[in-house]
């Protein structure tokens, strides 16, 4: 069984090279997706965890994911690298 990494910002599966974000060297990263991260920077650096939860929820609802899957994603987000210690930054 292959373990697929997922974006440490939004939780999106990084199942292919095309969806992976990039470092400033041009290399792909297995930590973040291209929608969150480009050239070693977050595309929306001022986004907070609540903003991300709202964005992910809306995106998943548009794709008609079941409610249990959306809730699972909401529960996962605070444990991701980008948000894990965000409550300590004030």
Protein backbone atom coordinates (compact mmCIF):
# COMPACT_ATOMS: atom_id res chain seq x y z
CA UNK A 1 0.00 0.00 0.00
CA UNK A 2 1.48 3.31 -1.11
CA UNK A 3 1.53 6.13 1.41
CA UNK A 4 0.56 9.40 -0.27
CA UNK A 5 1.79 12.59 1.43
CA UNK A 6 -0.61 15.48 1.86
CA UNK A 7 -0.22 19.23 1.97
CA UNK A 8 0.80 20.41 5.44
CA UNK A 9 -1.26 23.55 4.94
CA UNK A 10 -4.62 22.48 3.42
CA UNK A 11 -4.52 18.68 3.67
CA UNK A 12 -4.83 18.02 -0.06
CA UNK A 13 -3.29 14.70 -1.17
CA UNK A 14 -0.02 15.19 -3.05
CA UNK A 15 -0.62 12.20 -5.30
CA UNK A 16 1.30 13.58 -8.30
CA UNK A 17 4.22 15.88 -9.01
CA UNK A 18 1.86 18.31 -10.77
CA UNK A 19 0.11 19.29 -7.53
CA UNK A 20 3.24 19.74 -5.42
CA UNK A 21 4.43 23.22 -4.50
CA UNK A 22 7.91 24.50 -5.29
CA UNK A 23 10.95 25.71 -3.44
CA UNK A 24 12.81 28.81 -4.63
CA UNK A 25 15.27 26.46 -6.34
CA UNK A 26 12.46 25.20 -8.57
CA UNK A 27 12.43 21.78 -6.91
CA UNK A 28 9.11 20.24 -5.92
CA UNK A 29 8.29 19.87 -2.23
CA UNK A 30 6.47 16.95 -0.67
CA UNK A 31 5.25 19.20 2.15
CA UNK A 32 2.88 21.61 0.42
CA UNK A 33 0.63 21.82 -2.64
CA UNK A 34 0.95 24.34 -5.47
CA UNK A 35 -2.21 26.11 -4.30
CA UNK A 36 -0.66 26.92 -0.92
CA UNK A 37 3.07 27.19 -1.59
CA UNK A 38 5.29 28.53 -4.38
CA UNK A 39 8.94 29.64 -4.52
CA UNK A 40 9.46 28.70 -0.82
CA UNK A 41 6.60 30.97 0.30
CA UNK A 42 2.97 30.56 1.22
CA UNK A 43 0.73 32.14 -1.39
CA UNK A 44 -1.50 33.56 1.35
CA UNK A 45 0.92 34.25 4.21
CA UNK A 46 -1.66 36.13 6.29
CA UNK A 47 -4.18 33.28 6.21
CA UNK A 48 -5.05 31.82 9.60
CA UNK A 49 -6.40 28.39 10.54
CA UNK A 50 -10.03 29.52 10.53
CA UNK A 51 -9.63 31.01 7.05
CA UNK A 52 -8.14 27.73 5.83
CA UNK A 53 -10.95 25.71 7.41
CA UNK A 54 -13.52 27.85 5.60
CA UNK A 55 -11.70 27.61 2.27
CA UNK A 56 -11.28 23.82 2.49
CA UNK A 57 -14.90 23.34 3.55
CA UNK A 58 -16.25 25.41 0.64
CA UNK A 59 -13.97 23.63 -1.84
CA UNK A 60 -14.99 20.19 -0.58
CA UNK A 61 -18.69 21.11 -0.64
CA UNK A 62 -18.37 22.27 -4.26
CA UNK A 63 -16.84 18.90 -5.11
CA UNK A 64 -19.80 17.27 -3.33
CA UNK A 65 -17.71 15.38 -0.78
CA UNK A 66 -19.81 13.74 1.96
CA UNK A 67 -20.21 15.60 5.25
CA UNK A 68 -18.22 13.01 7.22
CA UNK A 69 -15.24 13.54 4.90
CA UNK A 70 -15.47 17.32 5.26
CA UNK A 71 -15.58 16.98 9.06
CA UNK A 72 -12.56 14.67 8.98
CA UNK A 73 -10.64 17.31 7.01
CA UNK A 74 -11.64 20.02 9.51
CA UNK A 75 -10.38 17.84 12.37
CA UNK A 76 -7.08 17.17 10.58
CA UNK A 77 -6.14 20.77 9.74
CA UNK A 78 -4.98 21.88 13.24
CA UNK A 79 -2.46 19.00 13.32
CA UNK A 80 -0.78 20.00 10.05
CA UNK A 81 2.70 21.55 10.20
CA UNK A 82 1.59 25.04 9.14
CA UNK A 83 -1.05 25.26 11.87
CA UNK A 84 0.29 23.01 14.62
CA UNK A 85 1.84 25.85 16.62
CA UNK A 86 -0.16 28.74 15.19
CA UNK A 87 -1.99 29.24 18.51
CA UNK A 88 1.42 30.08 20.06
CA UNK A 89 2.02 32.93 17.60
CA UNK A 90 0.30 36.07 18.77
